Amino acid sequence: QVNSVKNQLTGEYGGVPDVARAYKAAGQEWVVIGDENYGEGSSREHAALEPRHLGARAVIVKSFARIHETNLKKQGLLPLTFADPADYDKVGPFDRLSIKGLTSFAPGKGLTLVGKRPDGSTYEFPVNHTFNANQINWFKHGSALNAMSANK
């Protein structure tokens, strides 16, 4: 159902922004899982700023709308794509996710999404990124503005 997600902290369903605000208030990080052309038709800068403001850490999709991926990077988020688009179907709405490879994050070096289902079973698969060294610096500092401020 559009704009209805289960709040993993309360078990209740709510709108995406409301659940994201509840996660932020509880200090719970979260990720976006999306389909094709993520960010299309949005006010792209705001669409990148809002998830960052609400505590998102990554956006993992089949593909991004033009420019939106870079806007997410500028906000310090981790925009990733499924190396195999069929892996999208492996991720369940109640899975706990982590991303392996961030301690050695580098241009051209892959990352791995690890998921744990409520029944305790796990899966992992590669995800792609298009970060260059400067953009990785943005990510490490939390945003492009933070990185520029740190280099004063």
N, C-alpha and C. Protein backbone atom coordinates (compact mmCIF):
# COMPACT_ATOMS: atom_id res chain seq x y z
N GLN A 1 0.85 -1.17 0.00
CA GLN A 1 0.00 0.00 0.00
C GLN A 1 0.90 1.24 0.00
N VAL A 2 0.54 2.21 -0.79
CA VAL A 2 1.33 3.43 -0.93
C VAL A 2 1.33 4.20 0.39
N ASN A 3 2.52 4.67 0.77
CA ASN A 3 2.71 5.49 1.96
C ASN A 3 2.17 4.83 3.24
N SER A 4 2.37 3.53 3.34
CA SER A 4 1.99 2.81 4.56
C SER A 4 3.08 1.79 4.86
N VAL A 5 3.78 2.00 5.97
CA VAL A 5 4.83 1.09 6.38
C VAL A 5 4.64 0.72 7.85
N LYS A 6 5.15 -0.45 8.19
CA LYS A 6 5.04 -0.90 9.57
C LYS A 6 6.17 -0.29 10.38
N ASN A 7 5.82 0.36 11.46
CA ASN A 7 6.80 0.89 12.39
C ASN A 7 7.34 -0.30 13.18
N GLN A 8 8.61 -0.60 12.99
CA GLN A 8 9.22 -1.77 13.63
C GLN A 8 9.33 -1.61 15.14
N LEU A 9 9.20 -0.41 15.64
CA LEU A 9 9.29 -0.17 17.08
C LEU A 9 7.97 -0.36 17.79
N THR A 10 6.85 -0.06 17.08
CA THR A 10 5.54 -0.13 17.72
C THR A 10 4.65 -1.23 17.14
N GLY A 11 4.96 -1.70 15.94
CA GLY A 11 4.13 -2.68 15.27
C GLY A 11 2.94 -2.08 14.54
N GLU A 12 2.77 -0.76 14.65
CA GLU A 12 1.65 -0.09 13.98
C GLU A 12 2.07 0.38 12.60
N TYR A 13 1.08 0.54 11.71
CA TYR A 13 1.33 1.05 10.37
C TYR A 13 1.09 2.54 10.35
N GLY A 14 1.89 3.24 9.54
CA GLY A 14 1.74 4.68 9.41
C GLY A 14 2.35 5.16 8.12
N GLY A 15 2.19 6.44 7.86
CA GLY A 15 2.80 7.05 6.69
C GLY A 15 4.32 7.04 6.81
N VAL A 16 5.00 7.01 5.69
CA VAL A 16 6.46 6.95 5.69
C VAL A 16 7.08 8.10 6.49
N PRO A 17 6.67 9.36 6.27
CA PRO A 17 7.28 10.44 7.05
C PRO A 17 7.05 10.30 8.56
N ASP A 18 5.87 9.85 8.93
CA ASP A 18 5.55 9.70 10.36
C ASP A 18 6.40 8.61 11.00
N VAL A 19 6.53 7.48 10.31
CA VAL A 19 7.35 6.40 10.84
C VAL A 19 8.82 6.83 10.88
N ALA A 20 9.27 7.54 9.87
CA ALA A 20 10.65 8.02 9.85
C ALA A 20 10.91 8.97 11.03
N ARG A 21 9.95 9.84 11.33
CA ARG A 21 10.09 10.74 12.48
C ARG A 21 10.16 9.96 13.79
N ALA A 22 9.37 8.91 13.90
CA ALA A 22 9.40 8.07 15.10
C ALA A 22 10.76 7.38 15.24
N TYR A 23 11.30 6.89 14.13
CA TYR A 23 12.63 6.27 14.16
C TYR A 23 13.69 7.29 14.57
N LYS A 24 13.60 8.48 14.00
CA LYS A 24 14.57 9.52 14.35
C LYS A 24 14.51 9.82 15.85
N ALA A 25 13.31 9.97 16.38
CA ALA A 25 13.13 10.27 17.81
C ALA A 25 13.71 9.16 18.68
N ALA A 26 13.65 7.92 18.18
CA ALA A 26 14.16 6.78 18.95
C ALA A 26 15.64 6.50 18.66
N GLY A 27 16.26 7.29 17.76
CA GLY A 27 17.66 7.07 17.42
C GLY A 27 17.88 5.85 16.53
N GLN A 28 16.83 5.41 15.85
CA GLN A 28 16.91 4.23 14.98
C GLN A 28 17.23 4.64 13.55
N GLU A 29 18.37 4.18 13.04
CA GLU A 29 18.72 4.43 11.65
C GLU A 29 17.87 3.55 10.75
N TRP A 30 17.69 3.95 9.49
CA TRP A 30 16.86 3.19 8.56
C TRP A 30 17.36 3.40 7.14
N VAL A 31 16.88 2.54 6.25
CA VAL A 31 17.25 2.64 4.83
C VAL A 31 15.99 2.61 3.98
N VAL A 32 16.13 3.15 2.79
CA VAL A 32 15.07 3.11 1.78
C VAL A 32 15.40 1.99 0.81
N ILE A 33 14.42 1.16 0.49
CA ILE A 33 14.54 0.17 -0.58
C ILE A 33 13.56 0.60 -1.66
N GLY A 34 14.06 0.78 -2.89
CA GLY A 34 13.20 1.28 -3.95
C GLY A 34 13.38 0.54 -5.25
N ASP A 35 12.53 0.87 -6.18
CA ASP A 35 12.48 0.20 -7.47
C ASP A 35 13.24 1.02 -8.52
N GLU A 36 12.71 1.13 -9.70
CA GLU A 36 13.34 1.82 -10.83
C GLU A 36 13.16 3.33 -10.74
N ASN A 37 14.16 4.06 -11.23
CA ASN A 37 14.10 5.50 -11.43
C ASN A 37 13.74 6.26 -10.16
N TYR A 38 14.31 5.84 -9.04
CA TYR A 38 14.03 6.45 -7.74
C TYR A 38 14.37 7.94 -7.76
N GLY A 39 13.45 8.75 -7.31
CA GLY A 39 13.64 10.19 -7.26
C GLY A 39 13.01 10.92 -8.42
N GLU A 40 12.43 10.20 -9.38
CA GLU A 40 11.80 10.81 -10.54
C GLU A 40 10.65 11.69 -10.11
N GLY A 41 10.59 12.88 -10.69
CA GLY A 41 9.47 13.78 -10.45
C GLY A 41 9.49 14.48 -9.12
N SER A 42 10.51 14.23 -8.33
CA SER A 42 10.55 14.86 -7.00
C SER A 42 11.24 16.22 -7.08
N SER A 43 11.06 16.99 -6.05
CA SER A 43 11.90 18.16 -5.86
C SER A 43 13.20 17.56 -5.34
N ARG A 44 14.11 17.27 -6.22
CA ARG A 44 15.20 16.35 -5.92
C ARG A 44 16.08 16.77 -4.76
N GLU A 45 16.34 18.05 -4.63
CA GLU A 45 17.18 18.44 -3.49
C GLU A 45 16.45 18.18 -2.18
N HIS A 46 15.18 18.52 -2.13
CA HIS A 46 14.40 18.27 -0.92
C HIS A 46 14.24 16.77 -0.70
N ALA A 47 14.08 16.02 -1.78
CA ALA A 47 13.91 14.56 -1.67
C ALA A 47 15.18 13.90 -1.14
N ALA A 48 16.31 14.56 -1.25
CA ALA A 48 17.56 14.04 -0.67
C ALA A 48 17.76 14.57 0.75
N LEU A 49 17.36 15.80 0.99
CA LEU A 49 17.53 16.41 2.31
C LEU A 49 16.62 15.77 3.36
N GLU A 50 15.39 15.49 2.99
CA GLU A 50 14.42 14.97 3.95
C GLU A 50 14.83 13.62 4.55
N PRO A 51 15.23 12.62 3.75
CA PRO A 51 15.67 11.36 4.36
C PRO A 51 16.87 11.55 5.29
N ARG A 52 17.80 12.41 4.90
CA ARG A 52 18.95 12.67 5.76
C ARG A 52 18.49 13.26 7.09
N HIS A 53 17.61 14.26 7.00
CA HIS A 53 17.10 14.92 8.20
C HIS A 53 16.38 13.93 9.12
N LEU A 54 15.71 12.94 8.53
CA LEU A 54 14.92 12.00 9.32
C LEU A 54 15.70 10.74 9.72
N GLY A 55 17.00 10.70 9.44
CA GLY A 55 17.83 9.62 9.95
C GLY A 55 18.10 8.46 9.02
N ALA A 56 17.74 8.58 7.74
CA ALA A 56 18.08 7.52 6.78
C ALA A 56 19.59 7.47 6.61
N ARG A 57 20.10 6.31 6.29
CA ARG A 57 21.53 6.16 6.08
C ARG A 57 21.87 5.75 4.66
N ALA A 58 20.94 5.02 4.01
CA ALA A 58 21.20 4.55 2.66
C ALA A 58 19.90 4.49 1.87
N VAL A 59 20.04 4.58 0.54
CA VAL A 59 18.94 4.40 -0.39
C VAL A 59 19.41 3.34 -1.37
N ILE A 60 18.74 2.19 -1.37
CA ILE A 60 19.15 1.06 -2.20
C ILE A 60 18.03 0.77 -3.19
N VAL A 61 18.33 0.93 -4.48
CA VAL A 61 17.29 0.86 -5.51
C VAL A 61 17.80 0.12 -6.75
N LYS A 62 16.86 -0.12 -7.68
CA LYS A 62 17.25 -0.70 -8.96
C LYS A 62 17.93 0.35 -9.83
N SER A 63 17.42 1.59 -9.81
CA SER A 63 18.06 2.68 -10.57
C SER A 63 17.59 4.02 -10.01
N PHE A 64 18.38 5.06 -10.29
CA PHE A 64 18.07 6.41 -9.82
C PHE A 64 17.67 7.31 -10.98
N ALA A 65 16.83 8.28 -10.68
CA ALA A 65 16.53 9.34 -11.64
C ALA A 65 17.79 10.21 -11.79
N ARG A 66 17.92 10.79 -12.96
CA ARG A 66 19.07 11.64 -13.25
C ARG A 66 19.24 12.69 -12.15
N ILE A 67 20.43 12.91 -11.72
CA ILE A 67 20.85 13.91 -10.73
C ILE A 67 20.53 13.50 -9.28
N HIS A 68 19.46 12.76 -9.06
CA HIS A 68 19.06 12.46 -7.69
C HIS A 68 20.15 11.70 -6.91
N GLU A 69 20.82 10.80 -7.57
CA GLU A 69 21.88 10.04 -6.89
C GLU A 69 22.95 10.98 -6.33
N THR A 70 23.36 11.95 -7.12
CA THR A 70 24.37 12.91 -6.65
C THR A 70 23.84 13.76 -5.52
N ASN A 71 22.57 14.15 -5.58
CA ASN A 71 21.99 14.93 -4.49
C ASN A 71 22.00 14.13 -3.18
N LEU A 72 21.73 12.83 -3.26
CA LEU A 72 21.80 11.99 -2.06
C LEU A 72 23.23 11.96 -1.52
N LYS A 73 24.20 11.85 -2.40
CA LYS A 73 25.61 11.84 -1.97
C LYS A 73 25.96 13.15 -1.27
N LYS A 74 25.52 14.26 -1.83
CA LYS A 74 25.81 15.56 -1.22
C LYS A 74 25.23 15.68 0.18
N GLN A 75 24.14 14.96 0.44
CA GLN A 75 23.51 14.99 1.77
C GLN A 75 24.12 13.97 2.73
N GLY A 76 25.15 13.25 2.27
CA GLY A 76 25.82 12.30 3.16
C GLY A 76 25.16 10.93 3.22
N LEU A 77 24.21 10.69 2.33
CA LEU A 77 23.56 9.38 2.26
C LEU A 77 24.35 8.44 1.36
N LEU A 78 24.02 7.19 1.43
CA LEU A 78 24.70 6.16 0.66
C LEU A 78 23.75 5.63 -0.41
N PRO A 79 23.77 6.23 -1.63
CA PRO A 79 22.92 5.71 -2.69
C PRO A 79 23.58 4.49 -3.34
N LEU A 80 22.85 3.39 -3.34
CA LEU A 80 23.37 2.13 -3.88
C LEU A 80 22.35 1.54 -4.84
N THR A 81 22.84 0.73 -5.77
CA THR A 81 21.95 0.00 -6.66
C THR A 81 22.20 -1.50 -6.51
N PHE A 82 21.15 -2.27 -6.72
CA PHE A 82 21.27 -3.72 -6.70
C PHE A 82 22.15 -4.15 -7.87
N ALA A 83 23.22 -4.91 -7.61
CA ALA A 83 24.06 -5.42 -8.69
C ALA A 83 23.22 -6.32 -9.59
N ASP A 84 22.34 -7.09 -9.00
CA ASP A 84 21.38 -7.91 -9.73
C ASP A 84 19.99 -7.40 -9.34
N PRO A 85 19.27 -6.76 -10.27
CA PRO A 85 17.96 -6.21 -9.91
C PRO A 85 17.01 -7.23 -9.28
N ALA A 86 17.18 -8.50 -9.56
CA ALA A 86 16.32 -9.53 -8.97
C ALA A 86 16.51 -9.63 -7.45
N ASP A 87 17.65 -9.14 -6.94
CA ASP A 87 17.88 -9.17 -5.49
C ASP A 87 16.90 -8.28 -4.73
N TYR A 88 16.30 -7.33 -5.42
CA TYR A 88 15.26 -6.47 -4.82
C TYR A 88 14.20 -7.33 -4.13
N ASP A 89 13.83 -8.43 -4.78
CA ASP A 89 12.77 -9.29 -4.26
C ASP A 89 13.19 -10.10 -3.04
N LYS A 90 14.47 -10.14 -2.74
CA LYS A 90 14.95 -10.87 -1.56
C LYS A 90 14.75 -10.09 -0.26
N VAL A 91 14.64 -8.77 -0.37
CA VAL A 91 14.57 -7.92 0.81
C VAL A 91 13.12 -7.81 1.27
N GLY A 92 12.87 -8.23 2.51
CA GLY A 92 11.53 -8.16 3.07
C GLY A 92 11.33 -6.90 3.89
N PRO A 93 10.09 -6.51 4.10
CA PRO A 93 9.81 -5.26 4.82
C PRO A 93 10.17 -5.28 6.30
N PHE A 94 10.44 -6.46 6.86
CA PHE A 94 10.75 -6.55 8.28
C PHE A 94 12.19 -6.98 8.53
N ASP A 95 13.00 -7.04 7.47
CA ASP A 95 14.39 -7.48 7.59
C ASP A 95 15.25 -6.40 8.24
N ARG A 96 16.26 -6.82 8.96
CA ARG A 96 17.27 -5.91 9.53
C ARG A 96 18.44 -5.94 8.55
N LEU A 97 18.90 -4.77 8.13
CA LEU A 97 19.93 -4.68 7.10
C LEU A 97 21.21 -4.06 7.61
N SER A 98 22.31 -4.51 7.06
CA SER A 98 23.60 -3.86 7.30
C SER A 98 24.38 -3.88 6.00
N ILE A 99 25.37 -3.03 5.93
CA ILE A 99 26.18 -2.91 4.71
C ILE A 99 27.62 -3.18 5.08
N LYS A 100 28.18 -4.21 4.46
CA LYS A 100 29.58 -4.58 4.70
C LYS A 100 30.47 -3.90 3.67
N GLY A 101 31.65 -3.50 4.13
CA GLY A 101 32.65 -2.93 3.24
C GLY A 101 32.88 -1.45 3.44
N LEU A 102 32.16 -0.83 4.35
CA LEU A 102 32.30 0.62 4.53
C LEU A 102 33.61 1.01 5.19
N THR A 103 34.23 0.11 5.95
CA THR A 103 35.51 0.47 6.58
C THR A 103 36.61 0.59 5.53
N SER A 104 36.43 -0.05 4.39
CA SER A 104 37.41 0.07 3.30
C SER A 104 36.76 0.66 2.05
N PHE A 105 35.77 1.51 2.26
CA PHE A 105 35.01 2.15 1.18
C PHE A 105 35.96 2.88 0.24
N ALA A 106 35.91 2.55 -1.05
CA ALA A 106 36.79 3.16 -2.03
C ALA A 106 36.13 3.14 -3.40
N PRO A 107 36.54 4.07 -4.28
CA PRO A 107 35.99 4.05 -5.63
C PRO A 107 36.22 2.69 -6.30
N GLY A 108 35.19 2.18 -6.94
CA GLY A 108 35.31 0.93 -7.67
C GLY A 108 35.29 -0.33 -6.82
N LYS A 109 35.28 -0.18 -5.50
CA LYS A 109 35.28 -1.35 -4.61
C LYS A 109 33.85 -1.60 -4.13
N GLY A 110 33.37 -2.80 -4.36
CA GLY A 110 31.98 -3.13 -4.07
C GLY A 110 31.65 -3.18 -2.59
N LEU A 111 30.37 -3.12 -2.32
CA LEU A 111 29.82 -3.25 -0.98
C LEU A 111 28.86 -4.44 -0.98
N THR A 112 28.52 -4.92 0.20
CA THR A 112 27.63 -6.07 0.33
C THR A 112 26.49 -5.74 1.27
N LEU A 113 25.27 -6.01 0.83
CA LEU A 113 24.11 -5.86 1.69
C LEU A 113 23.87 -7.18 2.39
N VAL A 114 23.75 -7.11 3.71
CA VAL A 114 23.47 -8.30 4.52
C VAL A 114 22.10 -8.09 5.16
N GLY A 115 21.25 -9.08 5.02
CA GLY A 115 19.91 -8.99 5.59
C GLY A 115 19.64 -10.14 6.53
N LYS A 116 18.90 -9.83 7.59
CA LYS A 116 18.47 -10.85 8.54
C LYS A 116 16.96 -10.78 8.64
N ARG A 117 16.32 -11.89 8.31
CA ARG A 117 14.86 -11.96 8.35
C ARG A 117 14.38 -12.21 9.78
N PRO A 118 13.11 -11.93 10.05
CA PRO A 118 12.57 -12.17 11.40
C PRO A 118 12.72 -13.61 11.87
N ASP A 119 12.77 -14.58 10.94
CA ASP A 119 12.92 -15.98 11.34
C ASP A 119 14.37 -16.36 11.64
N GLY A 120 15.29 -15.38 11.53
CA GLY A 120 16.70 -15.62 11.82
C GLY A 120 17.53 -15.99 10.62
N SER A 121 16.91 -16.32 9.50
CA SER A 121 17.68 -16.65 8.29
C SER A 121 18.33 -15.38 7.74
N THR A 122 19.42 -15.55 7.02
CA THR A 122 20.16 -14.40 6.50
C THR A 122 20.41 -14.57 4.99
N TYR A 123 20.76 -13.48 4.37
CA TYR A 123 21.15 -13.46 2.97
C TYR A 123 22.15 -12.33 2.80
N GLU A 124 22.89 -12.39 1.73
CA GLU A 124 23.76 -11.26 1.38
C GLU A 124 23.98 -11.28 -0.12
N PHE A 125 24.19 -10.08 -0.65
CA PHE A 125 24.45 -9.94 -2.08
C PHE A 125 25.14 -8.59 -2.33
N PRO A 126 25.81 -8.47 -3.48
CA PRO A 126 26.53 -7.24 -3.78
C PRO A 126 25.59 -6.09 -4.16
N VAL A 127 25.99 -4.90 -3.78
CA VAL A 127 25.33 -3.67 -4.21
C VAL A 127 26.40 -2.75 -4.80
N ASN A 128 26.00 -1.96 -5.76
CA ASN A 128 26.95 -1.10 -6.48
C ASN A 128 26.87 0.34 -5.98
N HIS A 129 27.98 1.04 -6.13
CA HIS A 129 28.01 2.47 -5.88
C HIS A 129 28.81 3.14 -6.99
N THR A 130 28.63 4.45 -7.11
CA THR A 130 29.35 5.23 -8.13
C THR A 130 30.17 6.35 -7.50
N PHE A 131 30.53 6.20 -6.23
CA PHE A 131 31.27 7.24 -5.52
C PHE A 131 32.68 7.40 -6.07
N ASN A 132 33.12 8.64 -6.16
CA ASN A 132 34.54 8.92 -6.39
C ASN A 132 35.15 9.30 -5.04
N ALA A 133 36.44 9.55 -5.00
CA ALA A 133 37.12 9.82 -3.73
C ALA A 133 36.54 11.05 -3.01
N ASN A 134 36.24 12.10 -3.74
CA ASN A 134 35.69 13.31 -3.13
C ASN A 134 34.31 13.03 -2.53
N GLN A 135 33.49 12.27 -3.23
CA GLN A 135 32.16 11.94 -2.73
C GLN A 135 32.22 11.02 -1.51
N ILE A 136 33.21 10.15 -1.48
CA ILE A 136 33.39 9.31 -0.28
C ILE A 136 33.73 10.19 0.91
N ASN A 137 34.49 11.24 0.67
CA ASN A 137 34.80 12.20 1.72
C ASN A 137 33.52 12.86 2.23
N TRP A 138 32.60 13.19 1.33
CA TRP A 138 31.31 13.75 1.74
C TRP A 138 30.60 12.77 2.66
N PHE A 139 30.57 11.50 2.25
CA PHE A 139 29.88 10.48 3.05
C PHE A 139 30.52 10.36 4.43
N LYS A 140 31.83 10.32 4.48
CA LYS A 140 32.53 10.18 5.76
C LYS A 140 32.29 11.37 6.69
N HIS A 141 32.06 12.54 6.12
CA HIS A 141 31.80 13.73 6.93
C HIS A 141 30.31 13.96 7.20
N GLY A 142 29.45 13.21 6.55
CA GLY A 142 28.01 13.36 6.77
C GLY A 142 27.31 14.22 5.76
N SER A 143 28.05 14.94 4.92
CA SER A 143 27.47 15.72 3.82
C SER A 143 28.60 16.49 3.14
N ALA A 144 28.30 17.02 1.96
CA ALA A 144 29.29 17.84 1.24
C ALA A 144 29.60 19.11 2.03
N LEU A 145 28.58 19.72 2.63
CA LEU A 145 28.81 20.94 3.41
C LEU A 145 29.70 20.67 4.62
N ASN A 146 29.46 19.55 5.30
CA ASN A 146 30.30 19.20 6.44
C ASN A 146 31.75 18.97 6.00
N ALA A 147 31.93 18.34 4.85
CA ALA A 147 33.28 18.08 4.34
C ALA A 147 33.98 19.40 4.00
N MET A 148 33.25 20.34 3.40
CA MET A 148 33.85 21.65 3.07
C MET A 148 34.20 22.39 4.35
N SER A 149 33.34 22.31 5.35
CA SER A 149 33.60 22.98 6.62
C SER A 149 34.82 22.40 7.31
N ALA A 150 35.00 21.10 7.21
CA ALA A 150 36.14 20.43 7.84
C ALA A 150 37.45 20.80 7.18
N ASN A 151 37.40 21.22 5.91
CA ASN A 151 38.62 21.55 5.17
C ASN A 151 38.99 23.03 5.23
N LYS A 152 38.33 23.79 6.10
CA LYS A 152 38.66 25.22 6.24
C LYS A 152 40.05 25.40 6.78
